[in-house]
Amino acid sequence: MKEFIRVMKALSDPHRVKIIKMLGVRELCVCEIQSALGIAQPTVSKHLKILEDAGLVEKTKKGLWVDYRLSDGSASPYAATMLGNLRHWLHDDPEIEELLKKVPLLDREAICARK
């Protein structure tokens, strides 16, 4: 039951659901997620850690970058089920629609050059 609760708690925050939806489009780094959501970098990192601990996202280090992507769900049947359902849910939500339009335009090089 702990695994189930961990997945449900991870998805109980709107920012974390938005991150899942964004990662459904493509892999992203922390700065790209931060730019799209307009929240602080430590907050994004905390959300990603919670999602990772629940088996919903995975990360890969590529040089200076750490890319996050959706998990394949193999670590948890609950994570797999929720990721499968979230692929089809919330596309008609105006806030999610606007956010998903931003994802293809996110450019980590440009974002980090501004900092």
PDB file of N, CA and C in Angstrom:
ATOM      1  N   MET A   1       0.819  -1.194   0.000  1.00  0.00           N
ATOM      2  CA  MET A   1       0.000   0.000   0.000  1.00  0.00           C
ATOM      3  C   MET A   1       0.867   1.264   0.000  1.00  0.00           C
ATOM      4  N   LYS A   2       2.069   1.235   0.583  1.00  0.00           N
ATOM      5  CA  LYS A   2       2.936   2.409   0.633  1.00  0.00           C
ATOM      6  C   LYS A   2       3.281   2.908  -0.765  1.00  0.00           C
ATOM      7  N   GLU A   3       3.517   1.990  -1.664  1.00  0.00           N
ATOM      8  CA  GLU A   3       3.865   2.358  -3.051  1.00  0.00           C
ATOM      9  C   GLU A   3       2.705   3.101  -3.716  1.00  0.00           C
ATOM     10  N   PHE A   4       1.505   2.610  -3.512  1.00  0.00           N
ATOM     11  CA  PHE A   4       0.305   3.247  -4.059  1.00  0.00           C
ATOM     12  C   PHE A   4       0.158   4.669  -3.516  1.00  0.00           C
ATOM     13  N   ILE A   5       0.297   4.821  -2.208  1.00  0.00           N
ATOM     14  CA  ILE A   5       0.153   6.135  -1.565  1.00  0.00           C
ATOM     15  C   ILE A   5       1.225   7.089  -2.074  1.00  0.00           C
ATOM     16  N   ARG A   6       2.451   6.602  -2.252  1.00  0.00           N
ATOM     17  CA  ARG A   6       3.546   7.446  -2.743  1.00  0.00           C
ATOM     18  C   ARG A   6       3.212   8.000  -4.127  1.00  0.00           C
ATOM     19  N   VAL A   7       2.679   7.173  -5.009  1.00  0.00           N
ATOM     20  CA  VAL A   7       2.319   7.622  -6.361  1.00  0.00           C
ATOM     21  C   VAL A   7       1.170   8.623  -6.299  1.00  0.00           C
ATOM     22  N   MET A   8       0.170   8.336  -5.502  1.00  0.00           N
ATOM     23  CA  MET A   8      -0.978   9.239  -5.411  1.00  0.00           C
ATOM     24  C   MET A   8      -0.574  10.585  -4.802  1.00  0.00           C
ATOM     25  N   LYS A   9       0.276  10.559  -3.771  1.00  0.00           N
ATOM     26  CA  LYS A   9       0.733  11.816  -3.172  1.00  0.00           C
ATOM     27  C   LYS A   9       1.576  12.616  -4.159  1.00  0.00           C
ATOM     28  N   ALA A  10       2.390  11.923  -4.930  1.00  0.00           N
ATOM     29  CA  ALA A  10       3.220  12.615  -5.930  1.00  0.00           C
ATOM     30  C   ALA A  10       2.350  13.338  -6.947  1.00  0.00           C
ATOM     31  N   LEU A  11       1.217  12.769  -7.261  1.00  0.00           N
ATOM     32  CA  LEU A  11       0.335  13.371  -8.267  1.00  0.00           C
ATOM     33  C   LEU A  11      -0.723  14.289  -7.661  1.00  0.00           C
ATOM     34  N   SER A  12      -0.608  14.548  -6.363  1.00  0.00           N
ATOM     35  CA  SER A  12      -1.613  15.392  -5.709  1.00  0.00           C
ATOM     36  C   SER A  12      -1.294  16.884  -5.807  1.00  0.00           C
ATOM     37  N   ASP A  13      -0.161  17.232  -6.395  1.00  0.00           N
ATOM     38  CA  ASP A  13       0.230  18.627  -6.524  1.00  0.00           C
ATOM     39  C   ASP A  13       0.086  19.075  -7.985  1.00  0.00           C
ATOM     40  N   PRO A  14      -0.562  20.218  -8.232  1.00  0.00           N
ATOM     41  CA  PRO A  14      -0.758  20.682  -9.615  1.00  0.00           C
ATOM     42  C   PRO A  14       0.541  20.879 -10.392  1.00  0.00           C
ATOM     43  N   HIS A  15       1.589  21.375  -9.737  1.00  0.00           N
ATOM     44  CA  HIS A  15       2.854  21.555 -10.452  1.00  0.00           C
ATOM     45  C   HIS A  15       3.435  20.212 -10.898  1.00  0.00           C
ATOM     46  N   ARG A  16       3.308  19.210 -10.064  1.00  0.00           N
ATOM     47  CA  ARG A  16       3.845  17.897 -10.433  1.00  0.00           C
ATOM     48  C   ARG A  16       3.050  17.275 -11.582  1.00  0.00           C
ATOM     49  N   VAL A  17       1.749  17.481 -11.596  1.00  0.00           N
ATOM     50  CA  VAL A  17       0.938  16.995 -12.726  1.00  0.00           C
ATOM     51  C   VAL A  17       1.356  17.726 -14.002  1.00  0.00           C
ATOM     52  N   LYS A  18       1.594  19.016 -13.903  1.00  0.00           N
ATOM     53  CA  LYS A  18       2.038  19.787 -15.069  1.00  0.00           C
ATOM     54  C   LYS A  18       3.394  19.285 -15.562  1.00  0.00           C
ATOM     55  N   ILE A  19       4.292  18.972 -14.643  1.00  0.00           N
ATOM     56  CA  ILE A  19       5.598  18.434 -15.034  1.00  0.00           C
ATOM     57  C   ILE A  19       5.429  17.117 -15.774  1.00  0.00           C
ATOM     58  N   ILE A  20       4.563  16.254 -15.283  1.00  0.00           N
ATOM     59  CA  ILE A  20       4.298  14.971 -15.956  1.00  0.00           C
ATOM     60  C   ILE A  20       3.776  15.224 -17.366  1.00  0.00           C
ATOM     61  N   LYS A  21       2.844  16.136 -17.504  1.00  0.00           N
ATOM     62  CA  LYS A  21       2.287  16.437 -18.832  1.00  0.00           C
ATOM     63  C   LYS A  21       3.366  16.984 -19.763  1.00  0.00           C
ATOM     64  N   MET A  22       4.240  17.861 -19.246  1.00  0.00           N
ATOM     65  CA  MET A  22       5.317  18.419 -20.065  1.00  0.00           C
ATOM     66  C   MET A  22       6.295  17.336 -20.504  1.00  0.00           C
ATOM     67  N   LEU A  23       6.636  16.449 -19.590  1.00  0.00           N
ATOM     68  CA  LEU A  23       7.572  15.374 -19.932  1.00  0.00           C
ATOM     69  C   LEU A  23       6.952  14.362 -20.893  1.00  0.00           C
ATOM     70  N   GLY A  24       5.641  14.397 -21.017  1.00  0.00           N
ATOM     71  CA  GLY A  24       4.964  13.573 -22.017  1.00  0.00           C
ATOM     72  C   GLY A  24       5.230  14.060 -23.432  1.00  0.00           C
ATOM     73  N   VAL A  25       5.681  15.300 -23.555  1.00  0.00           N
ATOM     74  CA  VAL A  25       6.013  15.876 -24.860  1.00  0.00           C
ATOM     75  C   VAL A  25       7.458  15.548 -25.223  1.00  0.00           C
ATOM     76  N   ARG A  26       8.385  15.782 -24.264  1.00  0.00           N
ATOM     77  CA  ARG A  26       9.799  15.485 -24.501  1.00  0.00           C
ATOM     78  C   ARG A  26      10.584  15.574 -23.199  1.00  0.00           C
ATOM     79  N   GLU A  27      11.812  15.089 -23.238  1.00  0.00           N
ATOM     80  CA  GLU A  27      12.709  15.217 -22.094  1.00  0.00           C
ATOM     81  C   GLU A  27      12.997  16.697 -21.853  1.00  0.00           C
ATOM     82  N   LEU A  28      13.136  17.056 -20.578  1.00  0.00           N
ATOM     83  CA  LEU A  28      13.406  18.444 -20.215  1.00  0.00           C
ATOM     84  C   LEU A  28      14.408  18.494 -19.074  1.00  0.00           C
ATOM     85  N   CYS A  29      15.136  19.604 -18.999  1.00  0.00           N
ATOM     86  CA  CYS A  29      16.025  19.831 -17.857  1.00  0.00           C
ATOM     87  C   CYS A  29      15.286  20.734 -16.858  1.00  0.00           C
ATOM     88  N   VAL A  30      15.871  20.878 -15.681  1.00  0.00           N
ATOM     89  CA  VAL A  30      15.252  21.678 -14.623  1.00  0.00           C
ATOM     90  C   VAL A  30      14.999  23.106 -15.076  1.00  0.00           C
ATOM     91  N   CYS A  31      15.975  23.710 -15.779  1.00  0.00           N
ATOM     92  CA  CYS A  31      15.808  25.113 -16.174  1.00  0.00           C
ATOM     93  C   CYS A  31      14.651  25.289 -17.168  1.00  0.00           C
ATOM     94  N   GLU A  32      14.429  24.308 -18.027  1.00  0.00           N
ATOM     95  CA  GLU A  32      13.309  24.395 -18.974  1.00  0.00           C
ATOM     96  C   GLU A  32      11.977  24.286 -18.240  1.00  0.00           C
ATOM     97  N   ILE A  33      11.903  23.370 -17.284  1.00  0.00           N
ATOM     98  CA  ILE A  33      10.675  23.226 -16.493  1.00  0.00           C
ATOM     99  C   ILE A  33      10.429  24.485 -15.680  1.00  0.00           C
ATOM    100  N   GLN A  34      11.481  25.008 -15.080  1.00  0.00           N
ATOM    101  CA  GLN A  34      11.385  26.236 -14.296  1.00  0.00           C
ATOM    102  C   GLN A  34      10.866  27.386 -15.145  1.00  0.00           C
ATOM    103  N   SER A  35      11.405  27.521 -16.339  1.00  0.00           N
ATOM    104  CA  SER A  35      10.997  28.597 -17.241  1.00  0.00           C
ATOM    105  C   SER A  35       9.523  28.473 -17.625  1.00  0.00           C
ATOM    106  N   ALA A  36       9.095  27.267 -17.926  1.00  0.00           N
ATOM    107  CA  ALA A  36       7.711  27.059 -18.352  1.00  0.00           C
ATOM    108  C   ALA A  36       6.721  27.296 -17.213  1.00  0.00           C
ATOM    109  N   LEU A  37       7.074  26.850 -16.007  1.00  0.00           N
ATOM    110  CA  LEU A  37       6.149  26.960 -14.880  1.00  0.00           C
ATOM    111  C   LEU A  37       6.269  28.278 -14.126  1.00  0.00           C
ATOM    112  N   GLY A  38       7.406  28.957 -14.273  1.00  0.00           N
ATOM    113  CA  GLY A  38       7.603  30.222 -13.569  1.00  0.00           C
ATOM    114  C   GLY A  38       7.753  30.054 -12.067  1.00  0.00           C
ATOM    115  N   ILE A  39       8.396  28.962 -11.653  1.00  0.00           N
ATOM    116  CA  ILE A  39       8.635  28.735 -10.230  1.00  0.00           C
ATOM    117  C   ILE A  39      10.142  28.599  -9.999  1.00  0.00           C
ATOM    118  N   ALA A  40      10.562  28.674  -8.767  1.00  0.00           N
ATOM    119  CA  ALA A  40      11.983  28.657  -8.416  1.00  0.00           C
ATOM    120  C   ALA A  40      12.637  27.310  -8.711  1.00  0.00           C
ATOM    121  N   GLN A  41      13.929  27.353  -9.020  1.00  0.00           N
ATOM    122  CA  GLN A  41      14.681  26.141  -9.341  1.00  0.00           C
ATOM    123  C   GLN A  41      14.664  25.124  -8.198  1.00  0.00           C
ATOM    124  N   PRO A  42      14.862  25.539  -6.937  1.00  0.00           N
ATOM    125  CA  PRO A  42      14.800  24.544  -5.864  1.00  0.00           C
ATOM    126  C   PRO A  42      13.430  23.864  -5.754  1.00  0.00           C
ATOM    127  N   THR A  43      12.383  24.612  -6.046  1.00  0.00           N
ATOM    128  CA  THR A  43      11.031  24.050  -6.007  1.00  0.00           C
ATOM    129  C   THR A  43      10.862  23.008  -7.101  1.00  0.00           C
ATOM    130  N   VAL A  44      11.346  23.311  -8.311  1.00  0.00           N
ATOM    131  CA  VAL A  44      11.279  22.348  -9.413  1.00  0.00           C
ATOM    132  C   VAL A  44      12.056  21.084  -9.043  1.00  0.00           C
ATOM    133  N   SER A  45      13.242  21.251  -8.504  1.00  0.00           N
ATOM    134  CA  SER A  45      14.066  20.107  -8.117  1.00  0.00           C
ATOM    135  C   SER A  45      13.370  19.248  -7.063  1.00  0.00           C
ATOM    136  N   LYS A  46      12.720  19.885  -6.113  1.00  0.00           N
ATOM    137  CA  LYS A  46      11.981  19.148  -5.075  1.00  0.00           C
ATOM    138  C   LYS A  46      10.843  18.346  -5.703  1.00  0.00           C
ATOM    139  N   HIS A  47      10.096  18.979  -6.604  1.00  0.00           N
ATOM    140  CA  HIS A  47       8.997  18.277  -7.273  1.00  0.00           C
ATOM    141  C   HIS A  47       9.526  17.079  -8.069  1.00  0.00           C
ATOM    142  N   LEU A  48      10.630  17.280  -8.772  1.00  0.00           N
ATOM    143  CA  LEU A  48      11.197  16.191  -9.575  1.00  0.00           C
ATOM    144  C   LEU A  48      11.667  15.039  -8.696  1.00  0.00           C
ATOM    145  N   LYS A  49      12.221  15.339  -7.537  1.00  0.00           N
ATOM    146  CA  LYS A  49      12.670  14.295  -6.609  1.00  0.00           C
ATOM    147  C   LYS A  49      11.476  13.474  -6.115  1.00  0.00           C
ATOM    148  N   ILE A  50      10.380  14.121  -5.811  1.00  0.00           N
ATOM    149  CA  ILE A  50       9.169  13.429  -5.364  1.00  0.00           C
ATOM    150  C   ILE A  50       8.640  12.532  -6.485  1.00  0.00           C
ATOM    151  N   LEU A  51       8.612  13.050  -7.708  1.00  0.00           N
ATOM    152  CA  LEU A  51       8.151  12.260  -8.851  1.00  0.00           C
ATOM    153  C   LEU A  51       9.082  11.080  -9.118  1.00  0.00           C
ATOM    154  N   GLU A  52      10.370  11.309  -8.963  1.00  0.00           N
ATOM    155  CA  GLU A  52      11.346  10.237  -9.168  1.00  0.00           C
ATOM    156  C   GLU A  52      11.191   9.149  -8.094  1.00  0.00           C
ATOM    157  N   ASP A  53      11.038   9.555  -6.846  1.00  0.00           N
ATOM    158  CA  ASP A  53      10.864   8.592  -5.752  1.00  0.00           C
ATOM    159  C   ASP A  53       9.603   7.752  -5.917  1.00  0.00           C
ATOM    160  N   ALA A  54       8.598   8.311  -6.579  1.00  0.00           N
ATOM    161  CA  ALA A  54       7.348   7.583  -6.818  1.00  0.00           C
ATOM    162  C   ALA A  54       7.430   6.698  -8.062  1.00  0.00           C
ATOM    163  N   GLY A  55       8.549   6.747  -8.779  1.00  0.00           N
ATOM    164  CA  GLY A  55       8.704   5.923  -9.972  1.00  0.00           C
ATOM    165  C   GLY A  55       8.040   6.493 -11.208  1.00  0.00           C
ATOM    166  N   LEU A  56       7.735   7.792 -11.194  1.00  0.00           N
ATOM    167  CA  LEU A  56       7.044   8.430 -12.317  1.00  0.00           C
ATOM    168  C   LEU A  56       8.000   9.052 -13.326  1.00  0.00           C
ATOM    169  N   VAL A  57       9.161   9.491 -12.877  1.00  0.00           N
ATOM    170  CA  VAL A  57      10.157  10.073 -13.786  1.00  0.00           C
ATOM    171  C   VAL A  57      11.526   9.458 -13.524  1.00  0.00           C
ATOM    172  N   GLU A  58      12.377   9.569 -14.528  1.00  0.00           N
ATOM    173  CA  GLU A  58      13.761   9.112 -14.454  1.00  0.00           C
ATOM    174  C   GLU A  58      14.646  10.237 -14.958  1.00  0.00           C
ATOM    175  N   LYS A  59      15.920  10.187 -14.588  1.00  0.00           N
ATOM    176  CA  LYS A  59      16.842  11.225 -15.051  1.00  0.00           C
ATOM    177  C   LYS A  59      18.070  10.579 -15.663  1.00  0.00           C
ATOM    178  N   THR A  60      18.685  11.339 -16.578  1.00  0.00           N
ATOM    179  CA  THR A  60      19.918  10.926 -17.227  1.00  0.00           C
ATOM    180  C   THR A  60      20.842  12.130 -17.278  1.00  0.00           C
ATOM    181  N   LYS A  61      22.074  11.942 -16.858  1.00  0.00           N
ATOM    182  CA  LYS A  61      23.059  13.022 -16.912  1.00  0.00           C
ATOM    183  C   LYS A  61      23.717  13.000 -18.287  1.00  0.00           C
ATOM    184  N   LYS A  62      23.711  14.157 -18.948  1.00  0.00           N
ATOM    185  CA  LYS A  62      24.323  14.314 -20.268  1.00  0.00           C
ATOM    186  C   LYS A  62      25.231  15.532 -20.219  1.00  0.00           C
ATOM    187  N   GLY A  63      26.496  15.305 -19.902  1.00  0.00           N
ATOM    188  CA  GLY A  63      27.421  16.424 -19.767  1.00  0.00           C
ATOM    189  C   GLY A  63      27.018  17.290 -18.595  1.00  0.00           C
ATOM    190  N   LEU A  64      26.787  18.569 -18.865  1.00  0.00           N
ATOM    191  CA  LEU A  64      26.383  19.504 -17.814  1.00  0.00           C
ATOM    192  C   LEU A  64      24.897  19.402 -17.478  1.00  0.00           C
ATOM    193  N   TRP A  65      24.141  18.750 -18.336  1.00  0.00           N
ATOM    194  CA  TRP A  65      22.686  18.730 -18.208  1.00  0.00           C
ATOM    195  C   TRP A  65      22.213  17.444 -17.533  1.00  0.00           C
ATOM    196  N   VAL A  66      21.123  17.563 -16.804  1.00  0.00           N
ATOM    197  CA  VAL A  66      20.404  16.397 -16.299  1.00  0.00           C
ATOM    198  C   VAL A  66      19.029  16.455 -16.942  1.00  0.00           C
ATOM    199  N   ASP A  67      18.759  15.475 -17.786  1.00  0.00           N
ATOM    200  CA  ASP A  67      17.475  15.421 -18.483  1.00  0.00           C
ATOM    201  C   ASP A  67      16.506  14.518 -17.731  1.00  0.00           C
ATOM    202  N   TYR A  68      15.278  14.979 -17.621  1.00  0.00           N
ATOM    203  CA  TYR A  68      14.214  14.208 -16.981  1.00  0.00           C
ATOM    204  C   TYR A  68      13.243  13.735 -18.054  1.00  0.00           C
ATOM    205  N   ARG A  69      12.754  12.526 -17.865  1.00  0.00           N
ATOM    206  CA  ARG A  69      11.784  11.939 -18.794  1.00  0.00           C
ATOM    207  C   ARG A  69      10.801  11.098 -17.984  1.00  0.00           C
ATOM    208  N   LEU A  70       9.696  10.761 -18.602  1.00  0.00           N
ATOM    209  CA  LEU A  70       8.734   9.886 -17.944  1.00  0.00           C
ATOM    210  C   LEU A  70       9.335   8.497 -17.794  1.00  0.00           C
ATOM    211  N   SER A  71       9.044   7.875 -16.699  1.00  0.00           N
ATOM    212  CA  SER A  71       9.479   6.506 -16.448  1.00  0.00           C
ATOM    213  C   SER A  71       8.716   5.559 -17.377  1.00  0.00           C
ATOM    214  N   ASP A  72       9.284   4.391 -17.599  1.00  0.00           N
ATOM    215  CA  ASP A  72       8.550   3.387 -18.371  1.00  0.00           C
ATOM    216  C   ASP A  72       7.515   2.675 -17.501  1.00  0.00           C
ATOM    217  N   GLY A  73       7.517   2.976 -16.204  1.00  0.00           N
ATOM    218  CA  GLY A  73       6.524   2.403 -15.299  1.00  0.00           C
ATOM    219  C   GLY A  73       6.885   1.028 -14.767  1.00  0.00           C
ATOM    220  N   SER A  74       8.043   0.524 -15.135  1.00  0.00           N
ATOM    221  CA  SER A  74       8.408  -0.834 -14.730  1.00  0.00           C
ATOM    222  C   SER A  74       8.662  -0.953 -13.222  1.00  0.00           C
ATOM    223  N   ALA A  75       8.962   0.149 -12.562  1.00  0.00           N
ATOM    224  CA  ALA A  75       9.244   0.109 -11.129  1.00  0.00           C
ATOM    225  C   ALA A  75       7.977  -0.035 -10.285  1.00  0.00           C
ATOM    226  N   SER A  76       6.843   0.341 -10.844  1.00  0.00           N
ATOM    227  CA  SER A  76       5.605   0.335 -10.061  1.00  0.00           C
ATOM    228  C   SER A  76       4.392   0.185 -10.976  1.00  0.00           C
ATOM    229  N   PRO A  77       3.529  -0.775 -10.681  1.00  0.00           N
ATOM    230  CA  PRO A  77       2.306  -0.889 -11.488  1.00  0.00           C
ATOM    231  C   PRO A  77       1.398   0.329 -11.319  1.00  0.00           C
ATOM    232  N   TYR A  78       1.471   0.975 -10.166  1.00  0.00           N
ATOM    233  CA  TYR A  78       0.646   2.164  -9.926  1.00  0.00           C
ATOM    234  C   TYR A  78       1.156   3.343 -10.753  1.00  0.00           C
ATOM    235  N   ALA A  79       2.468   3.491 -10.801  1.00  0.00           N
ATOM    236  CA  ALA A  79       3.060   4.543 -11.627  1.00  0.00           C
ATOM    237  C   ALA A  79       2.732   4.289 -13.094  1.00  0.00           C
ATOM    238  N   ALA A  80       2.871   3.047 -13.537  1.00  0.00           N
ATOM    239  CA  ALA A  80       2.587   2.711 -14.935  1.00  0.00           C
ATOM    240  C   ALA A  80       1.139   3.030 -15.292  1.00  0.00           C
ATOM    241  N   THR A  81       0.220   2.674 -14.418  1.00  0.00           N
ATOM    242  CA  THR A  81      -1.202   2.923 -14.676  1.00  0.00           C
ATOM    243  C   THR A  81      -1.502   4.412 -14.740  1.00  0.00           C
ATOM    244  N   MET A  82      -0.962   5.167 -13.791  1.00  0.00           N
ATOM    245  CA  MET A  82      -1.236   6.603 -13.771  1.00  0.00           C
ATOM    246  C   MET A  82      -0.591   7.316 -14.957  1.00  0.00           C
ATOM    247  N   LEU A  83       0.625   6.913 -15.315  1.00  0.00           N
ATOM    248  CA  LEU A  83       1.266   7.527 -16.485  1.00  0.00           C
ATOM    249  C   LEU A  83       0.474   7.224 -17.747  1.00  0.00           C
ATOM    250  N   GLY A  84      -0.002   5.993 -17.863  1.00  0.00           N
ATOM    251  CA  GLY A  84      -0.817   5.627 -19.024  1.00  0.00           C
ATOM    252  C   GLY A  84      -2.090   6.452 -19.110  1.00  0.00           C
ATOM    253  N   ASN A  85      -2.749   6.626 -17.984  1.00  0.00           N
ATOM    254  CA  ASN A  85      -3.984   7.415 -17.971  1.00  0.00           C
ATOM    255  C   ASN A  85      -3.719   8.890 -18.204  1.00  0.00           C
ATOM    256  N   LEU A  86      -2.658   9.423 -17.597  1.00  0.00           N
ATOM    257  CA  LEU A  86      -2.363  10.852 -17.747  1.00  0.00           C
ATOM    258  C   LEU A  86      -2.018  11.238 -19.186  1.00  0.00           C
ATOM    259  N   ARG A  87      -1.597  10.265 -19.986  1.00  0.00           N
ATOM    260  CA  ARG A  87      -1.358  10.569 -21.406  1.00  0.00           C
ATOM    261  C   ARG A  87      -2.641  11.039 -22.091  1.00  0.00           C
ATOM    262  N   HIS A  88      -3.778  10.573 -21.579  1.00  0.00           N
ATOM    263  CA  HIS A  88      -5.065  10.871 -22.210  1.00  0.00           C
ATOM    264  C   HIS A  88      -5.891  11.890 -21.439  1.00  0.00           C
ATOM    265  N   TRP A  89      -5.504  12.191 -20.242  1.00  0.00           N
ATOM    266  CA  TRP A  89      -6.274  13.104 -19.399  1.00  0.00           C
ATOM    267  C   TRP A  89      -5.755  14.540 -19.494  1.00  0.00           C
ATOM    268  N   LEU A  90      -6.648  15.476 -19.260  1.00  0.00           N
ATOM    269  CA  LEU A  90      -6.360  16.902 -19.077  1.00  0.00           C
ATOM    270  C   LEU A  90      -5.993  17.667 -20.347  1.00  0.00           C
ATOM    271  N   HIS A  91      -6.093  17.050 -21.508  1.00  0.00           N
ATOM    272  CA  HIS A  91      -5.767  17.778 -22.736  1.00  0.00           C
ATOM    273  C   HIS A  91      -6.750  18.909 -23.011  1.00  0.00           C
ATOM    274  N   ASP A  92      -7.936  18.838 -22.431  1.00  0.00           N
ATOM    275  CA  ASP A  92      -8.926  19.895 -22.649  1.00  0.00           C
ATOM    276  C   ASP A  92      -8.855  20.984 -21.574  1.00  0.00           C
ATOM    277  N   ASP A  93      -7.938  20.858 -20.633  1.00  0.00           N
ATOM    278  CA  ASP A  93      -7.758  21.875 -19.603  1.00  0.00           C
ATOM    279  C   ASP A  93      -6.995  23.055 -20.208  1.00  0.00           C
ATOM    280  N   PRO A  94      -7.538  24.266 -20.143  1.00  0.00           N
ATOM    281  CA  PRO A  94      -6.897  25.425 -20.779  1.00  0.00           C
ATOM    282  C   PRO A  94      -5.472  25.684 -20.274  1.00  0.00           C
ATOM    283  N   GLU A  95      -5.244  25.509 -18.998  1.00  0.00           N
ATOM    284  CA  GLU A  95      -3.919  25.745 -18.427  1.00  0.00           C
ATOM    285  C   GLU A  95      -2.900  24.734 -18.973  1.00  0.00           C
ATOM    286  N   ILE A  96      -3.315  23.485 -19.074  1.00  0.00           N
ATOM    287  CA  ILE A  96      -2.440  22.434 -19.619  1.00  0.00           C
ATOM    288  C   ILE A  96      -2.202  22.678 -21.108  1.00  0.00           C
ATOM    289  N   GLU A  97      -3.249  23.065 -21.824  1.00  0.00           N
ATOM    290  CA  GLU A  97      -3.105  23.358 -23.260  1.00  0.00           C
ATOM    291  C   GLU A  97      -2.045  24.420 -23.501  1.00  0.00           C
ATOM    292  N   GLU A  98      -2.115  25.509 -22.743  1.00  0.00           N
ATOM    293  CA  GLU A  98      -1.144  26.603 -22.895  1.00  0.00           C
ATOM    294  C   GLU A  98       0.267  26.143 -22.549  1.00  0.00           C
ATOM    295  N   LEU A  99       0.382  25.383 -21.494  1.00  0.00           N
ATOM    296  CA  LEU A  99       1.688  24.881 -21.070  1.00  0.00           C
ATOM    297  C   LEU A  99       2.300  23.966 -22.125  1.00  0.00           C
ATOM    298  N   LEU A 100       1.501  23.089 -22.693  1.00  0.00           N
ATOM    299  CA  LEU A 100       2.014  22.146 -23.695  1.00  0.00           C
ATOM    300  C   LEU A 100       2.424  22.843 -24.988  1.00  0.00           C
ATOM    301  N   LYS A 101       1.845  24.010 -25.267  1.00  0.00           N
ATOM    302  CA  LYS A 101       2.271  24.792 -26.433  1.00  0.00           C
ATOM    303  C   LYS A 101       3.674  25.361 -26.234  1.00  0.00           C
ATOM    304  N   LYS A 102       4.053  25.635 -24.983  1.00  0.00           N
ATOM    305  CA  LYS A 102       5.362  26.198 -24.667  1.00  0.00           C
ATOM    306  C   LYS A 102       6.491  25.174 -24.799  1.00  0.00           C
ATOM    307  N   VAL A 103       6.193  23.911 -24.526  1.00  0.00           N
ATOM    308  CA  VAL A 103       7.244  22.895 -24.409  1.00  0.00           C
ATOM    309  C   VAL A 103       8.137  22.796 -25.644  1.00  0.00           C
ATOM    310  N   PRO A 104       7.591  22.737 -26.860  1.00  0.00           N
ATOM    311  CA  PRO A 104       8.490  22.633 -28.020  1.00  0.00           C
ATOM    312  C   PRO A 104       9.388  23.855 -28.215  1.00  0.00           C
ATOM    313  N   LEU A 105       9.017  24.986 -27.636  1.00  0.00           N
ATOM    314  CA  LEU A 105       9.769  26.223 -27.804  1.00  0.00           C
ATOM    315  C   LEU A 105      10.851  26.426 -26.739  1.00  0.00           C
ATOM    316  N   LEU A 106      10.866  25.569 -25.723  1.00  0.00           N
ATOM    317  CA  LEU A 106      11.847  25.711 -24.646  1.00  0.00           C
ATOM    318  C   LEU A 106      13.229  25.363 -25.153  1.00  0.00           C
ATOM    319  N   ASP A 107      14.179  26.255 -24.891  1.00  0.00           N
ATOM    320  CA  ASP A 107      15.560  26.080 -25.351  1.00  0.00           C
ATOM    321  C   ASP A 107      16.514  26.316 -24.197  1.00  0.00           C
ATOM    322  N   ARG A 108      17.055  25.233 -23.665  1.00  0.00           N
ATOM    323  CA  ARG A 108      17.909  25.333 -22.467  1.00  0.00           C
ATOM    324  C   ARG A 108      19.095  26.266 -22.664  1.00  0.00           C
ATOM    325  N   GLU A 109      19.669  26.291 -23.851  1.00  0.00           N
ATOM    326  CA  GLU A 109      20.819  27.164 -24.101  1.00  0.00           C
ATOM    327  C   GLU A 109      20.393  28.634 -23.944  1.00  0.00           C
ATOM    328  N   ALA A 110      19.286  28.988 -24.520  1.00  0.00           N
ATOM    329  CA  ALA A 110      18.801  30.370 -24.432  1.00  0.00           C
ATOM    330  C   ALA A 110      18.385  30.716 -23.004  1.00  0.00           C
ATOM    331  N   ILE A 111      17.738  29.788 -22.326  1.00  0.00           N
ATOM    332  CA  ILE A 111      17.288  30.032 -20.955  1.00  0.00           C
ATOM    333  C   ILE A 111      18.488  30.247 -20.040  1.00  0.00           C
ATOM    334  N   CYS A 112      19.495  29.405 -20.145  1.00  0.00           N
ATOM    335  CA  CYS A 112      20.664  29.517 -19.271  1.00  0.00           C
ATOM    336  C   CYS A 112      21.539  30.714 -19.628  1.00  0.00           C
ATOM    337  N   ALA A 113      21.511  31.149 -20.851  1.00  0.00           N
ATOM    338  CA  ALA A 113      22.281  32.330 -21.259  1.00  0.00           C
ATOM    339  C   ALA A 113      21.730  33.596 -20.605  1.00  0.00           C
ATOM    340  N   ARG A 114      20.438  33.605 -20.280  1.00  0.00           N
ATOM    341  CA  ARG A 114      19.809  34.759 -19.658  1.00  0.00           C
ATOM    342  C   ARG A 114      20.152  34.855 -18.181  1.00  0.00           C
ATOM    343  N   LYS A 115      20.618  33.764 -17.588  1.00  0.00           N
ATOM    344  CA  LYS A 115      20.880  33.752 -16.129  1.00  0.00           C
ATOM    345  C   LYS A 115      22.247  34.276 -15.805  1.00  0.00           C
TER     346      LYS A 115
END
